[in-house]
Amino acid sequence: MGEVWRCGPFVVKCHHAPPAGLYEAEAKGLASLARSGGKTPHVHHVDHDGLVLEYLEPGPTDGPDLANQLSCIHSQRRAQYGWAEPVFIGRLPLPRDQRADDWQLFWKSQRIDPLLALTTRPLGALKHRIISLLESYSPPTEGPCLLHGDLWSGNVVMSKRGASLIDPSVWCGERGVDLAMMRLFGGFPQSFWSSYEERLPIPREVEEAIPYYQLYYILVHVHFFGVGYCREVSRVLEQYGH
């Protein structure tokens, strides 16, 4: 996705040909998370070519601290789904300025459909099974909240000042989208899940929707890394009988 360098007290992120707005979107996403109760590294500089962040000294794993931040972020209701600023996941730009009140329509038209268009060839017949799932399954709605948007364990730095969020893909959606990425590859301690559940319990309906939301991240991996991730697509579809 790019190059990351430690330069003394700084971390420098760059890419030889970044899409327009990539690093500016990341900086704005970090600022949005910080305003909503998350801990993020300070941004020293941002422009088209890269991002300069503060370096965070490694510290002990602090699941409860991460749970406190994320439950705070997820509990704040937003007006609509979507995001007015540019949104990227990895280097991939997502549709912008398409804020909506209808979650199911937004999810299909602004998150899954663009990825299906990019992954038609590796997916093959799986594409029609995904479309069938989208037409038959209605995910639960708790209301729009700010999302980190790419919350795998590598995007949380356990530092001396606690858990810090990095590399976001910020937009407003259902919190199950963040939980889905956290469950997809694992790596989060039980202390996080226990503390998060205490602060913001996860209803059964949201638990059941997590594989559905994982499709989004799996399709991103199919786009970037190829047909090998189609096995994960099949796994999700089979869970919903498709």
Protein backbone atom coordinates (compact mmCIF):
# COMPACT_ATOMS: atom_id res chain seq x y z
CA MET A 1 0.00 0.00 0.00
CA GLY A 2 3.03 2.29 0.38
CA GLU A 3 6.22 2.83 2.32
CA VAL A 4 6.52 3.64 6.02
CA TRP A 5 9.73 4.91 7.58
CA ARG A 6 10.69 5.70 11.13
CA CYS A 7 12.81 8.85 11.25
CA GLY A 8 13.70 9.42 14.90
CA PRO A 9 10.61 10.90 16.58
CA PHE A 10 8.65 10.83 13.31
CA VAL A 11 6.94 8.27 11.09
CA VAL A 12 6.87 9.10 7.38
CA LYS A 13 4.32 7.49 5.05
CA CYS A 14 4.64 7.85 1.29
CA HIS A 15 3.92 6.21 -2.05
CA HIS A 16 5.52 6.64 -5.46
CA ALA A 17 2.17 7.45 -7.10
CA PRO A 18 -0.55 8.12 -4.52
CA PRO A 19 -4.09 8.86 -5.69
CA ALA A 20 -5.08 12.48 -5.25
CA GLY A 21 -6.26 13.22 -1.73
CA LEU A 22 -5.07 9.97 -0.13
CA TYR A 23 -2.95 11.43 2.67
CA GLU A 24 -5.18 14.42 3.25
CA ALA A 25 -8.08 12.01 3.80
CA GLU A 26 -6.04 10.02 6.31
CA ALA A 27 -5.10 13.14 8.25
CA LYS A 28 -8.72 14.30 8.38
CA GLY A 29 -9.81 10.84 9.44
CA LEU A 30 -7.33 10.81 12.31
CA ALA A 31 -8.57 14.23 13.42
CA SER A 32 -12.21 13.05 13.31
CA LEU A 33 -11.43 10.01 15.44
CA ALA A 34 -9.55 12.16 17.95
CA ARG A 35 -12.46 14.60 18.24
CA SER A 36 -14.79 11.67 18.92
CA GLY A 37 -12.75 10.18 21.76
CA GLY A 38 -10.04 8.17 20.02
CA LYS A 39 -6.30 8.43 20.59
CA THR A 40 -4.31 9.06 17.42
CA PRO A 41 -0.74 10.11 16.61
CA HIS A 42 -0.16 13.81 16.04
CA VAL A 43 0.04 14.81 12.37
CA HIS A 44 3.09 17.03 11.83
CA HIS A 45 2.69 17.48 8.08
CA VAL A 46 0.51 16.29 5.22
CA ASP A 47 0.52 16.94 1.48
CA HIS A 48 -0.09 15.05 -1.75
CA ASP A 49 3.16 13.08 -1.45
CA GLY A 50 2.95 11.84 2.10
CA LEU A 51 2.21 12.13 5.78
CA VAL A 52 4.50 12.85 8.76
CA LEU A 53 3.22 11.51 12.10
CA GLU A 54 4.65 11.34 15.59
CA TYR A 55 6.34 8.06 16.46
CA LEU A 56 4.64 6.22 19.31
CA GLU A 57 6.86 4.30 21.71
CA PRO A 58 5.61 0.69 22.07
CA GLY A 59 3.82 -0.16 25.30
CA PRO A 60 1.79 -2.97 26.87
CA THR A 61 -1.42 -4.29 25.31
CA ASP A 62 -4.36 -2.38 26.77
CA GLY A 63 -7.62 -3.89 25.57
CA PRO A 64 -9.83 -1.94 28.00
CA ASP A 65 -8.36 1.37 26.82
CA LEU A 66 -9.15 0.48 23.19
CA ALA A 67 -12.65 -0.61 24.24
CA ASN A 68 -13.23 2.68 26.02
CA GLN A 69 -12.22 4.66 22.94
CA LEU A 70 -14.15 2.58 20.44
CA SER A 71 -17.33 2.41 22.49
CA CYS A 72 -17.18 6.19 22.87
CA ILE A 73 -16.77 6.64 19.10
CA HIS A 74 -19.50 4.13 18.25
CA SER A 75 -22.03 5.49 20.73
CA GLN A 76 -22.15 8.97 19.18
CA ARG A 77 -24.93 9.14 16.63
CA ARG A 78 -24.36 10.95 13.32
CA ALA A 79 -26.94 12.52 11.03
CA GLN A 80 -26.48 10.27 7.97
CA TYR A 81 -24.52 7.40 6.50
CA GLY A 82 -21.56 8.26 4.30
CA TRP A 83 -18.95 10.99 4.34
CA ALA A 84 -18.62 14.34 2.58
CA GLU A 85 -14.82 14.06 2.30
CA PRO A 86 -12.91 11.63 0.04
CA VAL A 87 -12.71 8.09 1.45
CA PHE A 88 -10.05 5.48 0.65
CA ILE A 89 -9.51 1.93 1.81
CA GLY A 90 -5.91 1.16 1.11
CA ARG A 91 -5.26 3.08 -2.11
CA LEU A 92 -8.78 2.44 -3.41
CA PRO A 93 -11.06 5.51 -3.57
CA LEU A 94 -14.68 4.95 -2.54
CA PRO A 95 -17.72 6.95 -3.69
CA ARG A 96 -18.02 10.34 -1.98
CA ASP A 97 -20.74 12.88 -1.27
CA GLN A 98 -23.35 10.12 -1.26
CA ARG A 99 -24.72 10.55 2.25
CA ALA A 100 -27.98 8.73 2.89
CA ASP A 101 -30.62 7.77 5.43
CA ASP A 102 -31.25 4.27 4.05
CA TRP A 103 -28.48 1.98 5.33
CA GLN A 104 -29.25 -1.04 3.17
CA LEU A 105 -29.35 1.04 0.00
CA PHE A 106 -26.18 2.91 0.93
CA TRP A 107 -24.33 -0.30 1.76
CA LYS A 108 -25.25 -1.91 -1.55
CA SER A 109 -24.80 1.06 -3.88
CA GLN A 110 -21.84 2.83 -2.25
CA ARG A 111 -19.81 0.01 -0.73
CA ILE A 112 -20.53 -3.39 -2.31
CA ASP A 113 -21.54 -2.53 -5.89
CA PRO A 114 -18.31 -0.60 -6.64
CA LEU A 115 -16.27 -3.56 -5.41
CA LEU A 116 -18.31 -6.05 -7.41
CA ALA A 117 -17.54 -4.01 -10.53
CA LEU A 118 -13.82 -4.27 -9.76
CA THR A 119 -13.82 -7.99 -8.92
CA THR A 120 -16.16 -9.47 -11.54
CA ARG A 121 -13.48 -11.60 -13.18
CA PRO A 122 -11.96 -13.29 -10.08
CA LEU A 123 -15.39 -13.77 -8.47
CA GLY A 124 -16.98 -15.57 -11.42
CA ALA A 125 -20.28 -17.16 -10.34
CA LEU A 126 -19.81 -15.90 -6.80
CA LYS A 127 -20.87 -12.44 -7.95
CA HIS A 128 -24.44 -13.58 -8.61
CA ARG A 129 -24.58 -15.27 -5.22
CA ILE A 130 -23.48 -12.01 -3.56
CA ILE A 131 -26.17 -10.09 -5.45
CA SER A 132 -28.75 -12.63 -4.29
CA LEU A 133 -27.64 -12.14 -0.67
CA LEU A 134 -27.87 -8.36 -1.00
CA GLU A 135 -31.44 -8.70 -2.30
CA SER A 136 -32.61 -11.09 0.41
CA TYR A 137 -30.85 -10.00 3.62
CA SER A 138 -31.71 -6.88 5.60
CA PRO A 139 -29.02 -5.94 8.11
CA PRO A 140 -30.08 -4.45 11.46
CA THR A 141 -29.73 -0.72 12.06
CA GLU A 142 -28.66 0.98 15.27
CA GLY A 143 -28.00 4.31 13.57
CA PRO A 144 -25.01 5.94 11.86
CA CYS A 145 -21.82 6.43 13.84
CA LEU A 146 -18.24 7.29 12.99
CA LEU A 147 -16.20 4.28 11.83
CA HIS A 148 -12.47 3.73 11.78
CA GLY A 149 -13.25 1.82 8.62
CA ASP A 150 -10.23 -0.50 8.43
CA LEU A 151 -9.84 -1.74 11.99
CA TRP A 152 -7.61 -4.79 11.81
CA SER A 153 -5.09 -5.34 14.60
CA GLY A 154 -2.22 -3.81 12.60
CA ASN A 155 -4.03 -0.47 12.64
CA VAL A 156 -3.94 -0.25 16.43
CA VAL A 157 -0.64 0.70 18.06
CA MET A 158 -0.28 -0.30 21.69
CA SER A 159 1.93 2.49 22.93
CA LYS A 160 3.16 3.83 26.25
CA ARG A 161 0.14 6.14 26.34
CA GLY A 162 -2.32 3.33 25.61
CA ALA A 163 -4.02 2.14 22.44
CA SER A 164 -3.71 4.46 19.43
CA LEU A 165 -5.67 4.27 16.17
CA ILE A 166 -3.80 4.61 12.88
CA ASP A 167 -4.45 4.19 9.11
CA PRO A 168 -8.20 4.90 9.20
CA SER A 169 -10.75 4.84 6.38
CA VAL A 170 -13.20 7.10 8.16
CA TRP A 171 -16.88 7.41 7.24
CA CYS A 172 -20.24 7.04 8.98
CA GLY A 173 -21.97 3.67 8.99
CA GLU A 174 -23.24 0.91 11.28
CA ARG A 175 -20.75 -0.02 14.02
CA GLY A 176 -20.99 -3.66 12.95
CA VAL A 177 -18.73 -2.73 10.02
CA ASP A 178 -15.84 -2.00 12.40
CA LEU A 179 -16.59 -5.09 14.49
CA ALA A 180 -16.62 -7.19 11.31
CA MET A 181 -13.07 -6.20 10.39
CA MET A 182 -11.89 -6.80 13.95
CA ARG A 183 -13.31 -10.33 13.82
CA LEU A 184 -12.14 -11.12 10.28
CA PHE A 185 -8.45 -11.56 11.04
CA GLY A 186 -8.56 -11.54 14.84
CA GLY A 187 -5.68 -10.31 16.95
CA PHE A 188 -7.68 -8.38 19.56
CA PRO A 189 -7.43 -9.56 23.19
CA GLN A 190 -10.40 -10.90 25.11
CA SER A 191 -9.95 -7.97 27.50
CA PHE A 192 -11.02 -5.69 24.65
CA TRP A 193 -14.17 -7.65 23.84
CA SER A 194 -15.21 -8.00 27.49
CA SER A 195 -14.73 -4.29 28.16
CA TYR A 196 -16.46 -3.24 24.93
CA GLU A 197 -19.48 -5.44 25.71
CA GLU A 198 -19.73 -3.88 29.17
CA ARG A 199 -19.76 -0.38 27.72
CA LEU A 200 -21.75 -0.97 24.53
CA PRO A 201 -23.36 -4.43 24.37
CA ILE A 202 -23.59 -6.08 20.95
CA PRO A 203 -27.14 -7.29 20.19
CA ARG A 204 -27.64 -10.74 18.68
CA GLU A 205 -28.86 -9.20 15.41
CA VAL A 206 -25.63 -7.22 15.04
CA GLU A 207 -23.56 -10.35 15.76
CA GLU A 208 -25.47 -12.16 13.02
CA ALA A 209 -24.72 -9.36 10.55
CA ILE A 210 -20.95 -9.43 11.09
CA PRO A 211 -20.16 -11.98 8.31
CA TYR A 212 -22.36 -9.94 5.95
CA TYR A 213 -20.24 -6.85 6.66
CA GLN A 214 -17.04 -8.87 6.30
CA LEU A 215 -17.87 -9.29 2.60
CA TYR A 216 -16.86 -5.66 2.08
CA TYR A 217 -13.34 -6.22 3.41
CA ILE A 218 -12.96 -9.57 1.70
CA LEU A 219 -13.88 -8.02 -1.67
CA VAL A 220 -11.24 -5.34 -1.07
CA HIS A 221 -8.72 -8.16 -0.61
CA VAL A 222 -9.96 -9.90 -3.76
CA HIS A 223 -9.40 -6.62 -5.64
CA PHE A 224 -5.88 -6.06 -4.34
CA PHE A 225 -4.61 -9.62 -3.87
CA GLY A 226 -6.59 -11.86 -6.17
CA VAL A 227 -8.66 -15.00 -6.41
CA GLY A 228 -7.23 -16.65 -3.28
CA TYR A 229 -9.64 -14.65 -1.13
CA CYS A 230 -12.67 -16.03 -2.98
CA ARG A 231 -12.70 -18.92 -0.48
CA GLU A 232 -13.57 -16.38 2.19
CA VAL A 233 -16.38 -15.03 0.01
CA SER A 234 -17.82 -18.55 -0.24
CA ARG A 235 -17.56 -18.99 3.53
CA VAL A 236 -19.67 -15.91 4.14
CA LEU A 237 -22.28 -16.80 1.52
CA GLU A 238 -22.67 -20.30 2.94
CA GLN A 239 -23.37 -18.85 6.39
CA TYR A 240 -26.45 -17.14 4.95
CA GLY A 241 -27.51 -20.09 2.80
CA HIS A 242 -26.38 -18.59 -0.51
